[in-house]
N, C-alpha and C. Protein backbone atom coordinates (compact mmCIF):
# COMPACT_ATOMS: atom_id res chain seq x y z
N MET A 1 82.87 -13.74 10.49
CA MET A 1 81.95 -14.81 9.80
C MET A 1 82.81 -15.56 8.69
N MET A 2 82.57 -16.83 8.67
CA MET A 2 83.31 -17.53 7.52
C MET A 2 82.76 -17.36 6.17
N LYS A 3 83.64 -17.33 5.37
CA LYS A 3 83.28 -17.03 3.94
C LYS A 3 82.64 -18.25 3.37
N LEU A 4 81.61 -18.13 2.40
CA LEU A 4 81.03 -19.11 1.80
C LEU A 4 81.56 -19.33 0.37
N VAL A 5 81.79 -20.48 -0.04
CA VAL A 5 82.30 -20.86 -1.44
C VAL A 5 81.23 -21.72 -2.12
N TYR A 6 80.77 -21.31 -3.21
CA TYR A 6 79.76 -22.16 -4.07
C TYR A 6 80.64 -23.10 -4.79
N ILE A 7 80.35 -24.43 -4.59
CA ILE A 7 81.09 -25.60 -5.32
C ILE A 7 80.23 -26.03 -6.50
N ALA A 8 80.67 -25.79 -7.65
CA ALA A 8 80.01 -26.17 -8.89
C ALA A 8 80.87 -27.27 -9.69
N SER A 9 80.35 -28.39 -9.88
CA SER A 9 81.06 -29.44 -10.60
C SER A 9 80.09 -30.33 -11.29
N PRO A 10 80.50 -31.15 -12.16
CA PRO A 10 79.64 -32.09 -12.89
C PRO A 10 78.86 -32.99 -11.90
N TYR A 11 77.69 -33.41 -12.26
CA TYR A 11 76.97 -34.48 -11.47
C TYR A 11 76.40 -35.48 -12.39
N ALA A 12 75.88 -35.12 -13.54
CA ALA A 12 75.31 -36.13 -14.46
C ALA A 12 76.41 -36.94 -15.01
N GLY A 13 76.09 -37.99 -15.78
CA GLY A 13 77.05 -38.87 -16.32
C GLY A 13 77.45 -39.93 -15.30
N ASN A 14 78.66 -39.96 -14.93
CA ASN A 14 79.19 -40.92 -13.92
C ASN A 14 78.93 -40.23 -12.57
N ILE A 15 77.71 -40.47 -12.08
CA ILE A 15 77.30 -39.76 -10.90
C ILE A 15 78.13 -40.25 -9.62
N GLU A 16 78.50 -41.52 -9.54
CA GLU A 16 79.26 -42.00 -8.33
C GLU A 16 80.69 -41.24 -8.38
N HIS A 17 81.35 -41.18 -9.52
CA HIS A 17 82.61 -40.57 -9.49
C HIS A 17 82.49 -38.99 -9.31
N ASN A 18 81.45 -38.53 -9.91
CA ASN A 18 81.30 -36.98 -9.85
C ASN A 18 80.93 -36.64 -8.44
N THR A 19 80.19 -37.43 -7.72
CA THR A 19 79.78 -37.15 -6.39
C THR A 19 81.14 -37.20 -5.41
N ARG A 20 81.95 -38.18 -5.69
CA ARG A 20 83.18 -38.30 -4.91
C ARG A 20 84.08 -37.09 -5.21
N MET A 21 84.13 -36.62 -6.37
CA MET A 21 84.91 -35.52 -6.63
C MET A 21 84.49 -34.26 -6.09
N ALA A 22 83.13 -34.01 -6.07
CA ALA A 22 82.49 -32.90 -5.52
C ALA A 22 82.85 -32.84 -3.94
N ILE A 23 82.69 -34.07 -3.29
CA ILE A 23 83.12 -34.22 -1.87
C ILE A 23 84.55 -33.75 -1.63
N GLU A 24 85.35 -34.17 -2.54
CA GLU A 24 86.76 -33.87 -2.39
C GLU A 24 86.99 -32.27 -2.57
N TYR A 25 86.22 -31.71 -3.45
CA TYR A 25 86.38 -30.26 -3.66
C TYR A 25 85.87 -29.53 -2.29
N CYS A 26 84.81 -30.15 -1.79
CA CYS A 26 84.28 -29.51 -0.59
C CYS A 26 85.25 -29.63 0.67
N ARG A 27 85.93 -30.74 0.68
CA ARG A 27 86.90 -31.02 1.70
C ARG A 27 88.10 -29.97 1.52
N PHE A 28 88.46 -29.89 0.25
CA PHE A 28 89.61 -28.91 0.02
C PHE A 28 89.22 -27.43 0.47
N ALA A 29 87.99 -27.04 0.06
CA ALA A 29 87.55 -25.71 0.44
C ALA A 29 87.44 -25.66 1.91
N ALA A 30 87.01 -26.56 2.69
CA ALA A 30 86.82 -26.48 4.12
C ALA A 30 88.29 -26.49 4.70
N SER A 31 89.23 -27.20 4.08
CA SER A 31 90.56 -27.19 4.80
C SER A 31 91.25 -25.85 4.49
N ALA A 32 90.71 -25.03 3.60
CA ALA A 32 91.24 -23.80 3.29
C ALA A 32 90.57 -22.69 4.15
N GLY A 33 89.63 -23.15 5.00
CA GLY A 33 88.97 -22.19 5.99
C GLY A 33 87.72 -21.54 5.46
N VAL A 34 87.14 -22.07 4.41
CA VAL A 34 85.88 -21.48 3.91
C VAL A 34 84.77 -22.51 4.06
N ALA A 35 83.47 -22.05 4.03
CA ALA A 35 82.36 -23.02 4.16
C ALA A 35 81.87 -23.38 2.64
N PRO A 36 82.13 -24.65 2.31
CA PRO A 36 81.61 -25.04 0.92
C PRO A 36 80.13 -25.16 0.89
N ILE A 37 79.48 -24.73 -0.22
CA ILE A 37 78.10 -24.94 -0.44
C ILE A 37 78.01 -25.60 -1.72
N ALA A 38 77.49 -26.83 -1.78
CA ALA A 38 77.32 -27.71 -2.89
C ALA A 38 75.94 -28.30 -3.02
N PRO A 39 74.94 -27.45 -3.52
CA PRO A 39 73.56 -27.91 -3.61
C PRO A 39 73.45 -29.24 -4.45
N HIS A 40 74.30 -29.47 -5.34
CA HIS A 40 74.04 -30.74 -6.19
C HIS A 40 74.52 -31.90 -5.24
N LEU A 41 75.06 -31.79 -4.11
CA LEU A 41 75.27 -32.93 -3.24
C LEU A 41 74.08 -33.03 -2.28
N LEU A 42 73.45 -31.98 -1.95
CA LEU A 42 72.38 -31.95 -1.10
C LEU A 42 71.04 -32.39 -1.56
N PHE A 43 70.65 -31.74 -2.72
CA PHE A 43 69.28 -31.86 -3.25
C PHE A 43 68.93 -33.32 -3.81
N PRO A 44 69.88 -34.08 -4.37
CA PRO A 44 69.56 -35.41 -4.73
C PRO A 44 69.18 -36.30 -3.59
N LEU A 45 69.44 -35.80 -2.34
CA LEU A 45 69.12 -36.71 -1.19
C LEU A 45 67.51 -36.72 -0.96
N PHE A 46 66.80 -35.72 -1.49
CA PHE A 46 65.41 -35.66 -1.26
C PHE A 46 64.52 -35.23 -2.43
N LEU A 47 65.28 -34.85 -3.56
CA LEU A 47 64.49 -34.56 -4.70
C LEU A 47 64.88 -35.63 -5.76
N HIS A 48 63.86 -36.20 -6.33
CA HIS A 48 64.03 -37.30 -7.44
C HIS A 48 63.48 -37.03 -8.71
N ASP A 49 64.15 -37.04 -9.74
CA ASP A 49 63.67 -36.72 -11.06
C ASP A 49 62.49 -37.58 -11.52
N SER A 50 62.47 -38.88 -11.00
CA SER A 50 61.48 -39.78 -11.30
C SER A 50 60.13 -39.55 -10.54
N ASN A 51 60.11 -38.63 -9.61
CA ASN A 51 58.88 -38.28 -8.88
C ASN A 51 58.39 -36.88 -9.47
N PRO A 52 57.15 -37.11 -10.12
CA PRO A 52 56.58 -35.81 -10.77
C PRO A 52 56.16 -34.69 -9.73
N GLU A 53 56.07 -34.98 -8.49
CA GLU A 53 55.59 -34.01 -7.55
C GLU A 53 56.80 -33.18 -7.16
């Protein structure tokens, strides 16, 4: 079974730059043979702070 690695990196602030960097960290982890888990890349796709629900 492939090992999982939790990727934690900044998201707030310069979101575009921080997202690109998080993707690069995930690519690096994947190239090292582990499965990167980066919730801060996934959750913003369907959770929005402006939506009170």
